Structures are given as C-alpha cells and as structure tokens.
C-alpha cells in the first residue's frame, strides 16, 4: 500500500529521501494495524509518523521560502490540514475513541501520493528551474 515509486521523485534529493522515510513509516503503521497490534503500539508508530511529517513539512517550507515560491502559503495550508487531521486521529486512538482502519490508511496513502505528485511537483519544478539558472 505504501510503496515508494520512481514517479514520486521530485528531483530534489533531500526531499525525495524524506518522502521515502514517510512511506516507510506509513507502511510500518499499516503493517501494525494489519497485525492487530494494540492501541499503544499503533499510537507509538503514529507518533513517530506525525513527528517526522512535521519535520519534513518544515524542511519543505524552508526550501520554498528560500526560493520565494509564490504558492508557499497554499502549500503550507495543505501541510497544516493533514497535520491537524492526523493529530486528531492519534488523539482519538489514544483515548480509545477510534481505531485505525483501512479507510484511514487509504486516506493517508491517497493524500501522500496526491500531495507529492501534484503540490510537491509544482514547487519542485519552480525550485529546480531557479536552482539550475
């Protein structure tokens, strides 16, 4: 489900490496859910995913600011929306109010793939053009 594919590459090595880590963490979360691991184990993996995602988003935003990417605010809003949703899922899970389901995993996978292939590709094209100039 969470498998890095070459067409996800945005041709910025540091960001591609971070995206690969995100796919790995999401895959680990999916595997833990599929094995029926308990709430504590799932929360632990989800915490690592959230922490890494926040750090990754920050890296992207610093890079976009450096190159004065004109859609930074819009891109940052996408990051904030996902972070908020995943933190809500994590909070509900830790309180026993929710469980991780295939629907949650599908949402994460679809969001990650769509975000990289659309939003990240847009800023990467902008930055790569300026970095090459």
N, C-alpha and C. Protein backbone atom coordinates (compact mmCIF):
# COMPACT_ATOMS: atom_id res chain seq x y z
N UNK A 1 0.83 -1.20 0.00
CA UNK A 1 0.00 0.00 0.00
C UNK A 1 0.87 1.26 0.00
N UNK A 2 1.85 1.32 0.87
CA UNK A 2 2.74 2.48 0.97
C UNK A 2 4.08 2.10 0.37
N UNK A 3 4.17 2.25 -0.93
CA UNK A 3 5.38 1.84 -1.62
C UNK A 3 5.90 3.02 -2.44
N UNK A 4 7.17 3.36 -2.21
CA UNK A 4 7.80 4.42 -2.98
C UNK A 4 7.92 3.99 -4.43
N UNK A 5 7.58 4.91 -5.33
CA UNK A 5 7.71 4.64 -6.76
C UNK A 5 8.56 5.74 -7.38
N UNK A 6 9.34 5.42 -8.38
CA UNK A 6 10.19 6.44 -9.01
C UNK A 6 9.43 7.67 -9.51
N UNK A 7 8.16 7.49 -9.90
CA UNK A 7 7.42 8.65 -10.39
C UNK A 7 7.03 9.62 -9.28
N UNK A 8 7.33 9.28 -8.02
CA UNK A 8 7.14 10.21 -6.91
C UNK A 8 8.33 11.16 -6.76
N UNK A 9 9.41 10.88 -7.45
CA UNK A 9 10.61 11.70 -7.32
C UNK A 9 10.34 13.12 -7.81
N UNK A 10 10.70 14.09 -6.97
CA UNK A 10 10.56 15.49 -7.37
C UNK A 10 11.91 16.07 -7.80
N UNK A 11 12.92 15.24 -7.88
CA UNK A 11 14.26 15.62 -8.35
C UNK A 11 14.95 16.60 -7.40
N UNK A 12 14.59 16.54 -6.13
CA UNK A 12 15.31 17.24 -5.08
C UNK A 12 15.69 16.14 -4.09
N UNK A 13 16.96 15.75 -4.10
CA UNK A 13 17.41 14.56 -3.41
C UNK A 13 17.03 14.53 -1.93
N UNK A 14 17.22 15.62 -1.22
CA UNK A 14 16.93 15.62 0.22
C UNK A 14 15.44 15.40 0.50
N UNK A 15 14.60 15.98 -0.34
CA UNK A 15 13.15 15.82 -0.14
C UNK A 15 12.71 14.43 -0.57
N UNK A 16 13.26 13.91 -1.66
CA UNK A 16 12.94 12.54 -2.06
C UNK A 16 13.31 11.56 -0.94
N UNK A 17 14.45 11.76 -0.31
CA UNK A 17 14.88 10.89 0.79
C UNK A 17 13.88 10.97 1.95
N UNK A 18 13.42 12.17 2.25
CA UNK A 18 12.43 12.32 3.32
C UNK A 18 11.10 11.66 2.94
N UNK A 19 10.70 11.81 1.69
CA UNK A 19 9.46 11.15 1.25
C UNK A 19 9.57 9.63 1.39
N UNK A 20 10.73 9.08 1.10
CA UNK A 20 10.92 7.63 1.25
C UNK A 20 10.77 7.21 2.71
N UNK A 21 11.28 8.02 3.62
CA UNK A 21 11.12 7.73 5.05
C UNK A 21 9.64 7.78 5.42
N UNK A 22 8.92 8.78 4.91
CA UNK A 22 7.48 8.88 5.19
C UNK A 22 6.73 7.64 4.71
N UNK A 23 7.06 7.19 3.52
CA UNK A 23 6.42 5.97 3.01
C UNK A 23 6.75 4.79 3.92
N UNK A 24 7.98 4.71 4.38
CA UNK A 24 8.37 3.62 5.27
C UNK A 24 7.62 3.65 6.59
N UNK A 25 7.48 4.83 7.18
CA UNK A 25 6.74 4.95 8.44
C UNK A 25 5.26 4.64 8.25
N UNK A 26 4.69 5.12 7.15
CA UNK A 26 3.29 4.82 6.87
C UNK A 26 3.09 3.33 6.64
N UNK A 27 4.04 2.69 5.98
CA UNK A 27 3.98 1.25 5.76
C UNK A 27 4.06 0.50 7.09
N UNK A 28 4.93 0.98 7.97
CA UNK A 28 5.05 0.36 9.30
C UNK A 28 3.74 0.49 10.08
N UNK A 29 3.10 1.65 9.98
CA UNK A 29 1.81 1.86 10.64
C UNK A 29 0.75 0.92 10.06
N UNK A 30 0.74 0.80 8.74
CA UNK A 30 -0.22 -0.08 8.09
C UNK A 30 -0.01 -1.54 8.51
N UNK A 31 1.25 -1.96 8.59
CA UNK A 31 1.56 -3.33 8.99
C UNK A 31 1.13 -3.58 10.44
N UNK A 32 1.36 -2.60 11.31
CA UNK A 32 0.96 -2.75 12.71
C UNK A 32 -0.56 -2.87 12.82
N UNK A 33 -1.27 -2.08 12.02
CA UNK A 33 -2.73 -2.16 12.02
C UNK A 33 -3.19 -3.51 11.50
N UNK A 34 -2.59 -3.96 10.41
CA UNK A 34 -2.98 -5.24 9.80
C UNK A 34 -2.74 -6.42 10.74
N UNK A 35 -1.69 -6.31 11.58
CA UNK A 35 -1.39 -7.38 12.53
C UNK A 35 -2.26 -7.30 13.77
N UNK A 36 -3.08 -6.28 13.86
CA UNK A 36 -3.97 -6.14 15.01
C UNK A 36 -3.25 -5.74 16.28
N UNK A 37 -2.13 -5.03 16.13
CA UNK A 37 -1.41 -4.60 17.32
C UNK A 37 -2.28 -3.64 18.12
N UNK A 38 -2.02 -3.59 19.39
CA UNK A 38 -2.84 -2.80 20.30
C UNK A 38 -2.68 -1.31 20.10
N UNK A 39 -3.54 -0.59 20.78
CA UNK A 39 -3.59 0.86 20.70
C UNK A 39 -2.25 1.50 21.05
N UNK A 40 -1.58 0.99 22.07
CA UNK A 40 -0.30 1.58 22.49
C UNK A 40 0.74 1.45 21.38
N UNK A 41 0.81 0.30 20.75
CA UNK A 41 1.78 0.10 19.67
C UNK A 41 1.44 0.99 18.47
N UNK A 42 0.18 1.06 18.11
CA UNK A 42 -0.24 1.88 16.98
C UNK A 42 0.01 3.36 17.27
N UNK A 43 -0.28 3.78 18.49
CA UNK A 43 -0.06 5.18 18.88
C UNK A 43 1.42 5.52 18.79
N UNK A 44 2.27 4.59 19.20
CA UNK A 44 3.71 4.82 19.15
C UNK A 44 4.18 5.03 17.70
N UNK A 45 3.74 4.19 16.80
CA UNK A 45 4.13 4.32 15.40
C UNK A 45 3.54 5.60 14.81
N UNK A 46 2.29 5.88 15.15
CA UNK A 46 1.64 7.09 14.65
C UNK A 46 2.36 8.34 15.16
N UNK A 47 2.82 8.30 16.41
CA UNK A 47 3.58 9.43 16.97
C UNK A 47 4.85 9.69 16.16
N UNK A 48 5.55 8.61 15.80
CA UNK A 48 6.77 8.77 15.00
C UNK A 48 6.45 9.33 13.63
N UNK A 49 5.35 8.86 13.05
CA UNK A 49 4.93 9.35 11.74
C UNK A 49 4.58 10.84 11.81
N UNK A 50 3.84 11.23 12.83
CA UNK A 50 3.47 12.64 12.99
C UNK A 50 4.71 13.50 13.19
N UNK A 51 5.60 13.08 14.08
CA UNK A 51 6.81 13.86 14.34
C UNK A 51 7.66 14.03 13.08
N UNK A 52 7.84 12.95 12.35
CA UNK A 52 8.66 13.03 11.14
C UNK A 52 7.97 13.88 10.08
N UNK A 53 6.67 13.75 9.97
CA UNK A 53 5.92 14.53 8.99
C UNK A 53 6.05 16.02 9.27
N UNK A 54 5.93 16.40 10.54
CA UNK A 54 6.07 17.82 10.91
C UNK A 54 7.47 18.33 10.54
N UNK A 55 8.49 17.55 10.83
CA UNK A 55 9.87 17.94 10.49
C UNK A 55 10.04 18.03 8.97
N UNK A 56 9.48 17.07 8.25
CA UNK A 56 9.56 17.07 6.79
C UNK A 56 8.87 18.30 6.21
N UNK A 57 7.66 18.59 6.69
CA UNK A 57 6.93 19.75 6.19
C UNK A 57 7.74 21.02 6.43
N UNK A 58 8.37 21.11 7.58
CA UNK A 58 9.19 22.27 7.89
C UNK A 58 10.34 22.39 6.89
N UNK A 59 10.98 21.28 6.56
CA UNK A 59 12.07 21.29 5.57
C UNK A 59 11.59 21.80 4.22
N UNK A 60 10.44 21.32 3.80
CA UNK A 60 9.88 21.77 2.53
C UNK A 60 9.59 23.27 2.56
N UNK A 61 9.00 23.72 3.65
CA UNK A 61 8.61 25.13 3.75
C UNK A 61 9.82 26.05 3.78
N UNK A 62 10.89 25.63 4.45
CA UNK A 62 12.12 26.42 4.46
C UNK A 62 12.69 26.51 3.03
N UNK A 63 12.68 25.40 2.32
CA UNK A 63 13.17 25.38 0.95
C UNK A 63 12.32 26.29 0.06
N UNK A 64 11.01 26.20 0.19
CA UNK A 64 10.13 27.05 -0.62
C UNK A 64 10.35 28.53 -0.30
N UNK A 65 10.53 28.85 0.97
CA UNK A 65 10.78 30.24 1.37
C UNK A 65 12.10 30.74 0.79
N UNK A 66 13.11 29.88 0.82
CA UNK A 66 14.43 30.25 0.29
C UNK A 66 14.33 30.69 -1.18
N UNK A 67 13.51 29.97 -1.94
CA UNK A 67 13.36 30.27 -3.37
C UNK A 67 12.15 31.16 -3.66
N UNK A 68 11.52 31.64 -2.60
CA UNK A 68 10.36 32.55 -2.71
C UNK A 68 9.26 31.96 -3.59
N UNK A 69 8.93 30.72 -3.27
CA UNK A 69 7.86 30.04 -4.01
C UNK A 69 6.55 30.78 -3.80
N UNK A 70 5.90 31.22 -4.86
CA UNK A 70 4.71 32.07 -4.72
C UNK A 70 3.49 31.38 -4.10
N UNK A 71 3.46 30.06 -4.08
CA UNK A 71 2.30 29.35 -3.52
C UNK A 71 2.63 28.72 -2.16
N UNK A 72 3.62 29.29 -1.49
CA UNK A 72 4.03 28.75 -0.18
C UNK A 72 2.87 28.72 0.81
N UNK A 73 2.11 29.79 0.91
CA UNK A 73 1.01 29.84 1.89
C UNK A 73 -0.02 28.74 1.62
N UNK A 74 -0.34 28.54 0.36
CA UNK A 74 -1.30 27.48 -0.01
C UNK A 74 -0.74 26.10 0.33
N UNK A 75 0.53 25.90 0.02
CA UNK A 75 1.17 24.61 0.30
C UNK A 75 1.24 24.37 1.81
N UNK A 76 1.60 25.40 2.54
CA UNK A 76 1.67 25.29 4.00
C UNK A 76 0.29 24.95 4.58
N UNK A 77 -0.77 25.50 4.03
CA UNK A 77 -2.13 25.20 4.49
C UNK A 77 -2.46 23.72 4.29
N UNK A 78 -1.99 23.13 3.19
CA UNK A 78 -2.19 21.69 2.96
C UNK A 78 -1.47 20.90 4.05
N UNK A 79 -0.25 21.31 4.36
CA UNK A 79 0.51 20.64 5.41
C UNK A 79 -0.22 20.73 6.75
N UNK A 80 -0.70 21.92 7.07
CA UNK A 80 -1.38 22.12 8.35
C UNK A 80 -2.66 21.29 8.45
N UNK A 81 -3.40 21.19 7.35
CA UNK A 81 -4.64 20.41 7.35
C UNK A 81 -4.37 18.93 7.60
N UNK A 82 -3.34 18.39 6.94
CA UNK A 82 -3.01 16.98 7.17
C UNK A 82 -2.51 16.77 8.60
N UNK A 83 -1.64 17.64 9.06
CA UNK A 83 -1.11 17.51 10.42
C UNK A 83 -2.24 17.52 11.44
N UNK A 84 -3.19 18.42 11.26
CA UNK A 84 -4.33 18.52 12.18
C UNK A 84 -5.15 17.23 12.16
N UNK A 85 -5.44 16.72 10.96
CA UNK A 85 -6.25 15.51 10.85
C UNK A 85 -5.54 14.31 11.48
N UNK A 86 -4.26 14.15 11.21
CA UNK A 86 -3.53 13.00 11.76
C UNK A 86 -3.41 13.12 13.28
N UNK A 87 -3.23 14.33 13.79
CA UNK A 87 -3.19 14.52 15.24
C UNK A 87 -4.54 14.19 15.87
N UNK A 88 -5.63 14.52 15.18
CA UNK A 88 -6.97 14.16 15.68
C UNK A 88 -7.15 12.64 15.71
N UNK A 89 -6.68 11.98 14.68
CA UNK A 89 -6.76 10.51 14.64
C UNK A 89 -5.94 9.92 15.78
N UNK A 90 -4.74 10.45 15.98
CA UNK A 90 -3.86 9.97 17.05
C UNK A 90 -4.49 10.18 18.42
N UNK A 91 -5.08 11.34 18.64
CA UNK A 91 -5.72 11.65 19.92
C UNK A 91 -6.90 10.72 20.19
N UNK A 92 -7.74 10.52 19.18
CA UNK A 92 -8.89 9.63 19.32
C UNK A 92 -8.44 8.20 19.58
N UNK A 93 -7.38 7.78 18.90
CA UNK A 93 -6.85 6.43 19.09
C UNK A 93 -6.33 6.25 20.51
N UNK A 94 -5.59 7.24 21.00
CA UNK A 94 -5.01 7.11 22.35
C UNK A 94 -6.08 7.12 23.43
N UNK A 95 -7.24 7.71 23.15
CA UNK A 95 -8.35 7.74 24.11
C UNK A 95 -9.31 6.57 23.93
N UNK A 96 -9.02 5.72 22.95
CA UNK A 96 -9.88 4.58 22.71
C UNK A 96 -11.17 4.95 22.01
N UNK A 97 -11.21 6.14 21.40
CA UNK A 97 -12.42 6.62 20.74
C UNK A 97 -12.45 6.25 19.26
N UNK A 98 -11.35 5.72 18.77
CA UNK A 98 -11.28 5.37 17.35
C UNK A 98 -10.29 4.24 17.17
N UNK A 99 -10.39 3.62 16.04
CA UNK A 99 -9.42 2.59 15.67
C UNK A 99 -8.89 2.93 14.28
N UNK A 100 -7.68 2.48 14.02
CA UNK A 100 -7.15 2.65 12.67
C UNK A 100 -7.81 1.62 11.78
N UNK A 101 -8.31 2.08 10.66
CA UNK A 101 -9.00 1.20 9.73
C UNK A 101 -8.35 1.32 8.36
N UNK A 102 -8.76 0.46 7.48
CA UNK A 102 -8.27 0.52 6.11
C UNK A 102 -8.65 1.85 5.48
N UNK A 103 -9.79 2.42 5.89
CA UNK A 103 -10.20 3.72 5.35
C UNK A 103 -9.20 4.81 5.74
N UNK A 104 -8.71 4.77 6.97
CA UNK A 104 -7.71 5.74 7.42
C UNK A 104 -6.42 5.54 6.63
N UNK A 105 -6.02 4.29 6.44
CA UNK A 105 -4.81 4.00 5.69
C UNK A 105 -4.96 4.45 4.23
N UNK A 106 -6.14 4.21 3.64
CA UNK A 106 -6.39 4.66 2.27
C UNK A 106 -6.31 6.18 2.18
N UNK A 107 -6.88 6.87 3.17
CA UNK A 107 -6.82 8.32 3.19
C UNK A 107 -5.35 8.79 3.21
N UNK A 108 -4.55 8.22 4.11
CA UNK A 108 -3.15 8.62 4.22
C UNK A 108 -2.39 8.33 2.92
N UNK A 109 -2.60 7.16 2.36
CA UNK A 109 -1.90 6.80 1.13
C UNK A 109 -2.31 7.72 -0.01
N UNK A 110 -3.61 7.95 -0.16
CA UNK A 110 -4.08 8.82 -1.24
C UNK A 110 -3.59 10.25 -1.06
N UNK A 111 -3.61 10.74 0.18
CA UNK A 111 -3.16 12.10 0.43
C UNK A 111 -1.68 12.22 0.10
N UNK A 112 -0.88 11.29 0.58
CA UNK A 112 0.56 11.34 0.38
C UNK A 112 0.90 11.30 -1.11
N UNK A 113 0.32 10.36 -1.83
CA UNK A 113 0.60 10.23 -3.26
C UNK A 113 0.12 11.47 -4.03
N UNK A 114 -1.08 11.92 -3.74
CA UNK A 114 -1.63 13.09 -4.44
C UNK A 114 -0.81 14.34 -4.12
N UNK A 115 -0.45 14.52 -2.87
CA UNK A 115 0.29 15.70 -2.46
C UNK A 115 1.66 15.74 -3.16
N UNK A 116 2.35 14.62 -3.17
CA UNK A 116 3.66 14.58 -3.81
C UNK A 116 3.53 14.82 -5.32
N UNK A 117 2.62 14.11 -5.96
CA UNK A 117 2.52 14.16 -7.41
C UNK A 117 1.93 15.47 -7.92
N UNK A 118 1.25 16.20 -7.07
CA UNK A 118 0.66 17.45 -7.52
C UNK A 118 1.38 18.64 -6.87
N UNK A 119 1.14 18.85 -5.61
CA UNK A 119 1.66 20.03 -4.92
C UNK A 119 3.18 20.06 -4.85
N UNK A 120 3.78 18.94 -4.46
CA UNK A 120 5.24 18.92 -4.36
C UNK A 120 5.91 19.03 -5.73
N UNK A 121 5.32 18.41 -6.73
CA UNK A 121 5.89 18.51 -8.08
C UNK A 121 5.86 19.97 -8.55
N UNK A 122 4.81 20.71 -8.18
CA UNK A 122 4.72 22.11 -8.60
C UNK A 122 5.85 22.94 -8.01
N UNK A 123 6.05 22.81 -6.69
CA UNK A 123 7.12 23.62 -6.10
C UNK A 123 8.49 23.13 -6.57
N UNK A 124 8.61 21.83 -6.79
CA UNK A 124 9.90 21.30 -7.24
C UNK A 124 10.27 21.83 -8.63
N UNK A 125 9.30 21.89 -9.52
CA UNK A 125 9.57 22.43 -10.85
C UNK A 125 10.03 23.88 -10.75
N UNK A 126 9.37 24.63 -9.90
CA UNK A 126 9.72 26.04 -9.69
C UNK A 126 11.14 26.16 -9.14
N UNK A 127 11.44 25.40 -8.10
CA UNK A 127 12.76 25.47 -7.45
C UNK A 127 13.85 24.93 -8.36
N UNK A 128 13.60 23.79 -9.00
CA UNK A 128 14.60 23.20 -9.88
C UNK A 128 14.96 24.14 -11.04
N UNK A 129 13.97 24.86 -11.57
CA UNK A 129 14.23 25.81 -12.65
C UNK A 129 15.12 26.95 -12.16
N UNK A 130 14.88 27.42 -10.95
CA UNK A 130 15.66 28.52 -10.41
C UNK A 130 17.05 28.08 -9.96
N UNK A 131 17.14 26.88 -9.44
CA UNK A 131 18.44 26.37 -8.98
C UNK A 131 19.36 26.11 -10.17
N UNK A 132 18.80 25.75 -11.31
CA UNK A 132 19.59 25.46 -12.50
C UNK A 132 20.05 26.75 -13.19
N UNK A 133 19.34 27.85 -12.93
CA UNK A 133 19.66 29.14 -13.61
C UNK A 133 20.91 29.78 -13.07
